[in-house]
Amino acid sequence: MLTSSLKHLQERTLSHNAHTADMFTIDGLSDKQLWRISRHKEFISTYSGLAKGDAGKNWTAYSDFIVGEIKKDPSKFSKKRPIREYLDGNEADYDFSR
């Protein structure tokens, strides 16, 4: 019985991972979508500390820097939520004013 329960748990985990793994990748996202992610208010509050030099002083430089960092290692941008979820916000969730 224990073996059957363990096997069922493993199957559920594999199924869950197969359906949610793409939420943590940037495969298929355009630079414009990555730029939009970089302007999500929650994303900014979580990751803006990574921006140094010009990227910490200028919003265009910040977005360019963050997009480059996301392309290098998207996994470090999924601390609070899957990176693709930042695209699901409404306009009020983004800061395009700068």
N, C-alpha and C. Protein backbone atom coordinates (compact mmCIF):
# COMPACT_ATOMS: atom_id res chain seq x y z
N MET A 1 0.83 -1.20 0.00
CA MET A 1 0.00 0.00 0.00
C MET A 1 0.86 1.25 0.00
N LEU A 2 1.92 1.26 0.81
CA LEU A 2 2.81 2.41 0.88
C LEU A 2 3.46 2.66 -0.48
N THR A 3 3.86 1.61 -1.14
CA THR A 3 4.49 1.74 -2.45
C THR A 3 3.52 2.35 -3.45
N SER A 4 2.28 1.94 -3.40
CA SER A 4 1.27 2.48 -4.30
C SER A 4 1.04 3.96 -4.03
N SER A 5 0.97 4.36 -2.76
CA SER A 5 0.78 5.77 -2.40
C SER A 5 1.97 6.60 -2.84
N LEU A 6 3.17 6.09 -2.65
CA LEU A 6 4.38 6.80 -3.05
C LEU A 6 4.43 6.97 -4.56
N LYS A 7 4.05 5.92 -5.30
CA LYS A 7 4.04 6.00 -6.75
C LYS A 7 3.02 7.04 -7.22
N HIS A 8 1.85 7.07 -6.60
CA HIS A 8 0.81 8.04 -6.95
C HIS A 8 1.31 9.47 -6.70
N LEU A 9 1.97 9.68 -5.58
CA LEU A 9 2.52 11.00 -5.25
C LEU A 9 3.56 11.42 -6.28
N GLN A 10 4.43 10.51 -6.66
CA GLN A 10 5.44 10.82 -7.67
C GLN A 10 4.81 11.18 -9.01
N GLU A 11 3.77 10.45 -9.40
CA GLU A 11 3.08 10.74 -10.66
C GLU A 11 2.43 12.11 -10.62
N ARG A 12 1.81 12.47 -9.49
CA ARG A 12 1.18 13.78 -9.35
C ARG A 12 2.24 14.88 -9.42
N THR A 13 3.37 14.67 -8.79
CA THR A 13 4.45 15.66 -8.80
C THR A 13 4.99 15.86 -10.21
N LEU A 14 5.23 14.76 -10.92
CA LEU A 14 5.72 14.86 -12.30
C LEU A 14 4.71 15.55 -13.18
N SER A 15 3.44 15.24 -13.02
CA SER A 15 2.40 15.88 -13.81
C SER A 15 2.35 17.37 -13.51
N HIS A 16 2.42 17.74 -12.25
CA HIS A 16 2.40 19.15 -11.86
C HIS A 16 3.61 19.88 -12.46
N ASN A 17 4.78 19.28 -12.35
CA ASN A 17 5.99 19.91 -12.88
C ASN A 17 5.91 20.07 -14.40
N ALA A 18 5.33 19.11 -15.09
CA ALA A 18 5.23 19.20 -16.54
C ALA A 18 4.33 20.35 -16.96
N HIS A 19 3.31 20.64 -16.15
CA HIS A 19 2.36 21.70 -16.51
C HIS A 19 2.78 23.07 -16.02
N THR A 20 3.64 23.14 -15.04
CA THR A 20 4.00 24.45 -14.48
C THR A 20 5.43 24.86 -14.76
N ALA A 21 6.26 23.97 -15.25
CA ALA A 21 7.67 24.28 -15.46
C ALA A 21 7.85 25.45 -16.41
N ASP A 22 7.00 25.57 -17.42
CA ASP A 22 7.15 26.65 -18.39
C ASP A 22 6.89 28.02 -17.79
N MET A 23 6.24 28.09 -16.62
CA MET A 23 5.98 29.37 -15.97
C MET A 23 7.28 29.99 -15.44
N PHE A 24 8.31 29.16 -15.27
CA PHE A 24 9.57 29.63 -14.72
C PHE A 24 10.63 29.87 -15.79
N THR A 25 10.27 29.66 -17.05
CA THR A 25 11.23 29.87 -18.14
C THR A 25 10.85 31.10 -18.94
N ILE A 26 11.77 31.54 -19.75
CA ILE A 26 11.50 32.69 -20.63
C ILE A 26 11.41 32.24 -22.08
N ASP A 27 11.39 30.92 -22.30
CA ASP A 27 11.30 30.39 -23.67
C ASP A 27 10.10 30.99 -24.38
N GLY A 28 10.33 31.56 -25.55
CA GLY A 28 9.26 32.11 -26.36
C GLY A 28 8.86 33.53 -26.02
N LEU A 29 9.44 34.13 -24.97
CA LEU A 29 9.10 35.51 -24.63
C LEU A 29 9.96 36.47 -25.44
N SER A 30 9.34 37.53 -25.92
CA SER A 30 10.07 38.54 -26.69
C SER A 30 10.76 39.52 -25.75
N ASP A 31 11.67 40.31 -26.29
CA ASP A 31 12.32 41.36 -25.49
C ASP A 31 11.29 42.35 -24.95
N LYS A 32 10.26 42.62 -25.74
CA LYS A 32 9.20 43.53 -25.30
C LYS A 32 8.47 42.97 -24.08
N GLN A 33 8.21 41.67 -24.08
CA GLN A 33 7.56 41.04 -22.93
C GLN A 33 8.47 41.05 -21.71
N LEU A 34 9.76 40.82 -21.91
CA LEU A 34 10.71 40.87 -20.80
C LEU A 34 10.80 42.30 -20.25
N TRP A 35 10.78 43.29 -21.14
CA TRP A 35 10.80 44.68 -20.72
C TRP A 35 9.56 44.98 -19.87
N ARG A 36 8.40 44.48 -20.31
CA ARG A 36 7.15 44.68 -19.56
C ARG A 36 7.26 44.05 -18.17
N ILE A 37 7.82 42.86 -18.09
CA ILE A 37 8.04 42.21 -16.79
C ILE A 37 8.89 43.11 -15.91
N SER A 38 9.94 43.71 -16.48
CA SER A 38 10.85 44.56 -15.71
C SER A 38 10.16 45.78 -15.13
N ARG A 39 9.01 46.16 -15.69
CA ARG A 39 8.28 47.34 -15.23
C ARG A 39 7.09 47.01 -14.31
N HIS A 40 6.92 45.72 -13.99
CA HIS A 40 5.86 45.33 -13.06
C HIS A 40 6.25 45.83 -11.67
N LYS A 41 5.34 46.50 -10.98
CA LYS A 41 5.66 47.14 -9.69
C LYS A 41 6.18 46.14 -8.66
N GLU A 42 5.58 44.96 -8.58
CA GLU A 42 6.07 43.95 -7.62
C GLU A 42 7.46 43.46 -8.01
N PHE A 43 7.67 43.30 -9.31
CA PHE A 43 8.98 42.87 -9.80
C PHE A 43 10.03 43.93 -9.44
N ILE A 44 9.69 45.19 -9.66
CA ILE A 44 10.61 46.29 -9.33
C ILE A 44 10.95 46.28 -7.85
N SER A 45 9.94 46.15 -6.99
CA SER A 45 10.21 46.19 -5.55
C SER A 45 11.06 45.00 -5.10
N THR A 46 10.95 43.89 -5.80
CA THR A 46 11.72 42.70 -5.42
C THR A 46 13.14 42.72 -5.99
N TYR A 47 13.31 43.17 -7.22
CA TYR A 47 14.59 42.98 -7.91
C TYR A 47 15.35 44.26 -8.27
N SER A 48 14.81 45.43 -8.00
CA SER A 48 15.50 46.66 -8.41
C SER A 48 16.85 46.83 -7.72
N GLY A 49 17.05 46.18 -6.59
CA GLY A 49 18.33 46.25 -5.89
C GLY A 49 19.48 45.65 -6.68
N LEU A 50 19.18 44.87 -7.69
CA LEU A 50 20.23 44.28 -8.53
C LEU A 50 20.87 45.31 -9.46
N ALA A 51 20.14 46.38 -9.72
CA ALA A 51 20.61 47.40 -10.67
C ALA A 51 21.70 48.26 -10.02
N LYS A 52 22.83 48.31 -10.65
CA LYS A 52 23.97 49.11 -10.16
C LYS A 52 24.42 50.07 -11.26
N GLY A 53 25.15 51.10 -10.88
CA GLY A 53 25.66 52.06 -11.86
C GLY A 53 24.54 52.80 -12.55
N ASP A 54 24.65 52.96 -13.88
CA ASP A 54 23.63 53.67 -14.65
C ASP A 54 22.26 53.00 -14.54
N ALA A 55 22.25 51.69 -14.41
CA ALA A 55 20.98 50.96 -14.31
C ALA A 55 20.22 51.31 -13.04
N GLY A 56 20.94 51.79 -12.02
CA GLY A 56 20.30 52.20 -10.79
C GLY A 56 19.85 53.64 -10.80
N LYS A 57 20.22 54.38 -11.85
CA LYS A 57 19.91 55.81 -11.92
C LYS A 57 18.93 56.17 -13.03
N ASN A 58 18.80 55.32 -14.02
CA ASN A 58 18.04 55.64 -15.23
C ASN A 58 17.10 54.47 -15.53
N TRP A 59 15.79 54.75 -15.73
CA TRP A 59 14.83 53.68 -15.91
C TRP A 59 15.02 52.92 -17.21
N THR A 60 15.45 53.59 -18.26
CA THR A 60 15.71 52.87 -19.51
C THR A 60 16.90 51.94 -19.33
N ALA A 61 17.96 52.44 -18.69
CA ALA A 61 19.12 51.60 -18.42
C ALA A 61 18.76 50.45 -17.48
N TYR A 62 17.88 50.73 -16.52
CA TYR A 62 17.42 49.69 -15.59
C TYR A 62 16.74 48.56 -16.36
N SER A 63 15.79 48.92 -17.22
CA SER A 63 15.06 47.88 -17.96
C SER A 63 15.99 47.10 -18.89
N ASP A 64 16.90 47.80 -19.56
CA ASP A 64 17.86 47.11 -20.43
C ASP A 64 18.72 46.14 -19.63
N PHE A 65 19.18 46.59 -18.45
CA PHE A 65 20.01 45.75 -17.58
C PHE A 65 19.23 44.53 -17.12
N ILE A 66 18.00 44.75 -16.63
CA ILE A 66 17.19 43.65 -16.09
C ILE A 66 16.85 42.63 -17.18
N VAL A 67 16.50 43.11 -18.37
CA VAL A 67 16.21 42.19 -19.48
C VAL A 67 17.44 41.32 -19.76
N GLY A 68 18.62 41.93 -19.77
CA GLY A 68 19.85 41.17 -19.97
C GLY A 68 20.08 40.14 -18.88
N GLU A 69 19.80 40.53 -17.63
CA GLU A 69 19.97 39.61 -16.50
C GLU A 69 18.96 38.46 -16.57
N ILE A 70 17.74 38.76 -16.96
CA ILE A 70 16.72 37.71 -17.10
C ILE A 70 17.16 36.71 -18.15
N LYS A 71 17.71 37.20 -19.26
CA LYS A 71 18.16 36.31 -20.33
C LYS A 71 19.32 35.43 -19.86
N LYS A 72 20.20 35.98 -19.01
CA LYS A 72 21.34 35.19 -18.51
C LYS A 72 20.90 34.08 -17.57
N ASP A 73 19.99 34.41 -16.63
CA ASP A 73 19.57 33.42 -15.63
C ASP A 73 18.16 33.71 -15.15
N PRO A 74 17.15 33.26 -15.89
CA PRO A 74 15.77 33.54 -15.50
C PRO A 74 15.37 32.94 -14.15
N SER A 75 16.06 31.89 -13.72
CA SER A 75 15.68 31.23 -12.46
C SER A 75 15.82 32.15 -11.25
N LYS A 76 16.74 33.10 -11.29
CA LYS A 76 16.91 33.97 -10.13
C LYS A 76 15.82 35.03 -10.03
N PHE A 77 14.91 35.08 -11.01
CA PHE A 77 13.82 36.04 -11.00
C PHE A 77 12.48 35.37 -10.73
N SER A 78 12.52 34.27 -10.03
CA SER A 78 11.29 33.56 -9.68
C SER A 78 11.21 33.34 -8.16
N LYS A 79 11.74 34.28 -7.38
CA LYS A 79 11.74 34.14 -5.93
C LYS A 79 10.32 34.12 -5.36
N LYS A 80 9.53 35.10 -5.74
CA LYS A 80 8.19 35.24 -5.16
C LYS A 80 7.11 34.56 -5.98
N ARG A 81 7.28 34.53 -7.27
CA ARG A 81 6.27 33.93 -8.15
C ARG A 81 6.90 33.58 -9.48
N PRO A 82 6.27 32.72 -10.26
CA PRO A 82 6.83 32.38 -11.57
C PRO A 82 6.95 33.63 -12.44
N ILE A 83 8.04 33.73 -13.16
CA ILE A 83 8.35 34.95 -13.92
C ILE A 83 7.26 35.31 -14.93
N ARG A 84 6.64 34.32 -15.54
CA ARG A 84 5.60 34.61 -16.54
C ARG A 84 4.35 35.23 -15.92
N GLU A 85 4.13 35.03 -14.64
CA GLU A 85 2.95 35.62 -13.99
C GLU A 85 3.01 37.15 -13.98
N TYR A 86 4.20 37.71 -14.09
CA TYR A 86 4.32 39.17 -14.14
C TYR A 86 3.70 39.76 -15.40
N LEU A 87 3.43 38.94 -16.39
CA LEU A 87 2.79 39.41 -17.62
C LEU A 87 1.27 39.47 -17.47
N ASP A 88 0.73 38.86 -16.42
CA ASP A 88 -0.71 38.75 -16.26
C ASP A 88 -1.36 39.95 -15.58
N GLY A 89 -0.59 40.97 -15.23
CA GLY A 89 -1.14 42.11 -14.51
C GLY A 89 -1.97 43.03 -15.39
N ASN A 90 -2.76 43.87 -14.74
CA ASN A 90 -3.47 44.91 -15.49
C ASN A 90 -2.57 46.15 -15.52
N GLU A 91 -2.97 47.16 -16.24
CA GLU A 91 -2.11 48.34 -16.43
C GLU A 91 -1.66 48.99 -15.11
N ALA A 92 -2.51 48.95 -14.08
CA ALA A 92 -2.17 49.55 -12.80
C ALA A 92 -1.02 48.82 -12.10
N ASP A 93 -0.72 47.61 -12.51
CA ASP A 93 0.35 46.82 -11.89
C ASP A 93 1.74 47.19 -12.44
N TYR A 94 1.78 48.05 -13.46
CA TYR A 94 3.04 48.37 -14.12
C TYR A 94 3.37 49.85 -13.94
N ASP A 95 4.67 50.15 -13.97
CA ASP A 95 5.14 51.53 -13.90
C ASP A 95 5.81 51.88 -15.22
N PHE A 96 5.04 52.51 -16.10
CA PHE A 96 5.57 52.94 -17.40
C PHE A 96 5.84 54.44 -17.41
N SER A 97 5.72 55.09 -16.26
CA SER A 97 5.81 56.54 -16.20
C SER A 97 7.24 57.07 -16.29
N ARG A 98 8.19 56.23 -16.12
CA ARG A 98 9.59 56.69 -16.08
C ARG A 98 10.32 56.37 -17.35
